[in-house]
Protein backbone atom coordinates (compact mmCIF):
# COMPACT_ATOMS: atom_id res chain seq x y z
CA MET A 1 -38.27 244.67 28.72
CA GLY A 2 -41.01 242.43 27.30
CA LEU A 3 -43.82 243.34 24.97
CA GLN A 4 -45.02 246.92 24.97
CA ASN A 5 -48.15 248.65 23.91
CA GLY A 6 -47.86 249.51 20.24
CA ASP A 7 -45.59 246.56 19.33
CA VAL A 8 -46.53 244.93 16.03
CA LEU A 9 -46.10 241.17 16.16
CA VAL A 10 -44.08 240.05 13.19
CA ALA A 11 -43.16 236.47 14.20
CA PHE A 12 -43.91 234.13 17.12
CA ASN A 13 -41.59 231.21 17.90
CA GLY A 14 -40.11 231.26 14.43
CA VAL A 15 -43.35 231.53 12.52
CA ASN A 16 -43.92 234.69 10.50
CA ILE A 17 -47.35 236.16 11.23
CA THR A 18 -49.45 236.62 8.16
CA LEU A 19 -53.15 237.45 7.61
CA GLU A 20 -53.71 233.77 6.77
CA ASN A 21 -52.23 232.39 10.01
CA ALA A 22 -52.61 235.27 12.55
CA GLN A 23 -55.65 233.80 14.28
CA GLN A 24 -54.07 230.30 14.58
CA GLU A 25 -50.80 231.73 15.96
CA ILE A 26 -52.56 234.01 18.50
CA LYS A 27 -54.42 230.90 19.73
CA LYS A 28 -51.04 229.25 20.30
CA LEU A 29 -49.97 232.39 22.23
CA SER A 30 -53.02 232.33 24.46
CA ALA A 31 -52.52 228.60 25.17
CA ALA A 32 -49.04 229.16 26.59
CA LYS A 33 -48.53 227.80 30.14
CA PRO A 34 -46.42 229.05 32.94
CA GLY A 35 -42.76 228.17 32.32
CA ASP A 36 -43.16 228.11 28.51
CA ALA A 37 -40.45 230.02 26.70
CA ASN A 38 -41.55 232.19 23.77
CA ASN A 39 -39.64 234.14 21.16
CA TYR A 40 -41.21 237.19 19.46
CA ILE A 41 -40.08 239.36 16.68
CA VAL A 42 -41.87 242.74 16.89
CA LEU A 43 -41.82 245.90 15.01
CA ARG A 44 -41.19 248.69 17.55
CA ASN A 45 -40.73 252.32 16.59
CA GLY A 46 -39.97 251.18 13.01
CA ASN A 47 -37.30 248.72 14.06
CA LYS A 48 -37.48 244.92 14.28
CA GLN A 49 -36.68 243.66 17.77
CA GLU A 50 -36.45 240.11 19.18
CA ILE A 51 -37.93 239.53 22.57
CA LYS A 52 -37.55 236.36 24.57
CA THR A 53 -40.01 235.69 27.33
CA THR A 54 -41.09 233.07 29.80
CA VAL A 55 -44.71 232.78 30.68
CA MET A 56 -45.34 233.47 34.30
CA GLU A 57 -48.30 232.32 36.44
CA LYS A 58 -50.91 234.96 36.78
CA GLU A 59 -51.51 236.04 40.29
CA GLU A 60 -55.15 235.84 41.19
CA GLU A 61 -56.78 238.65 42.99
CA LEU A 62 -58.53 237.48 46.16
CA ARG A 63 -61.85 239.14 46.75
CA HIS A 64 -63.78 238.75 49.97
CA GLN A 65 -67.46 239.10 50.19
CA PHE A 66 -69.49 239.67 53.30
CA LYS A 67 -73.04 238.38 53.43
CA LEU A 68 -75.61 239.02 56.17
CA ASP A 69 -76.71 235.90 58.00
CA ASP A 70 -80.48 235.72 57.95
CA HIS A 71 -80.40 233.44 60.91
CA ALA A 72 -78.07 235.41 63.13
CA THR A 73 -78.65 235.15 66.88
CA PRO A 74 -79.48 238.25 68.88
CA LYS A 75 -75.94 238.23 70.26
CA GLN A 76 -74.48 238.03 66.72
CA LEU A 77 -76.78 240.84 65.59
CA ALA A 78 -75.65 243.02 68.49
CA LEU A 79 -71.98 242.42 67.66
CA ARG A 80 -72.55 243.14 64.02
CA ASN A 81 -74.42 246.38 64.74
CA SER A 82 -71.76 247.50 67.19
CA TRP A 83 -69.04 246.77 64.57
CA LEU A 84 -70.93 248.57 61.78
CA SER A 85 -71.54 251.62 63.98
CA ASN A 86 -67.78 252.11 64.32
CA LEU A 87 -67.15 252.40 60.58
């Protein structure tokens, strides 16, 4: 089921999270690489729960950007104008 909104992190990979070490442990969490196994203890709805996860690779969103060619030929301009008029 994984981590859920509202979970309170109690321990990460066997290390109890305290005010003194929270920042250091969160840095370890953010440095995890795809394939790394992690073990969390969270407080969820008042109950401690153990959650085991494996870091997955983040899928990147591909974005395409169209730019007008300032040096387009008259033929290319006619094609572009025709294409845009059909939108």
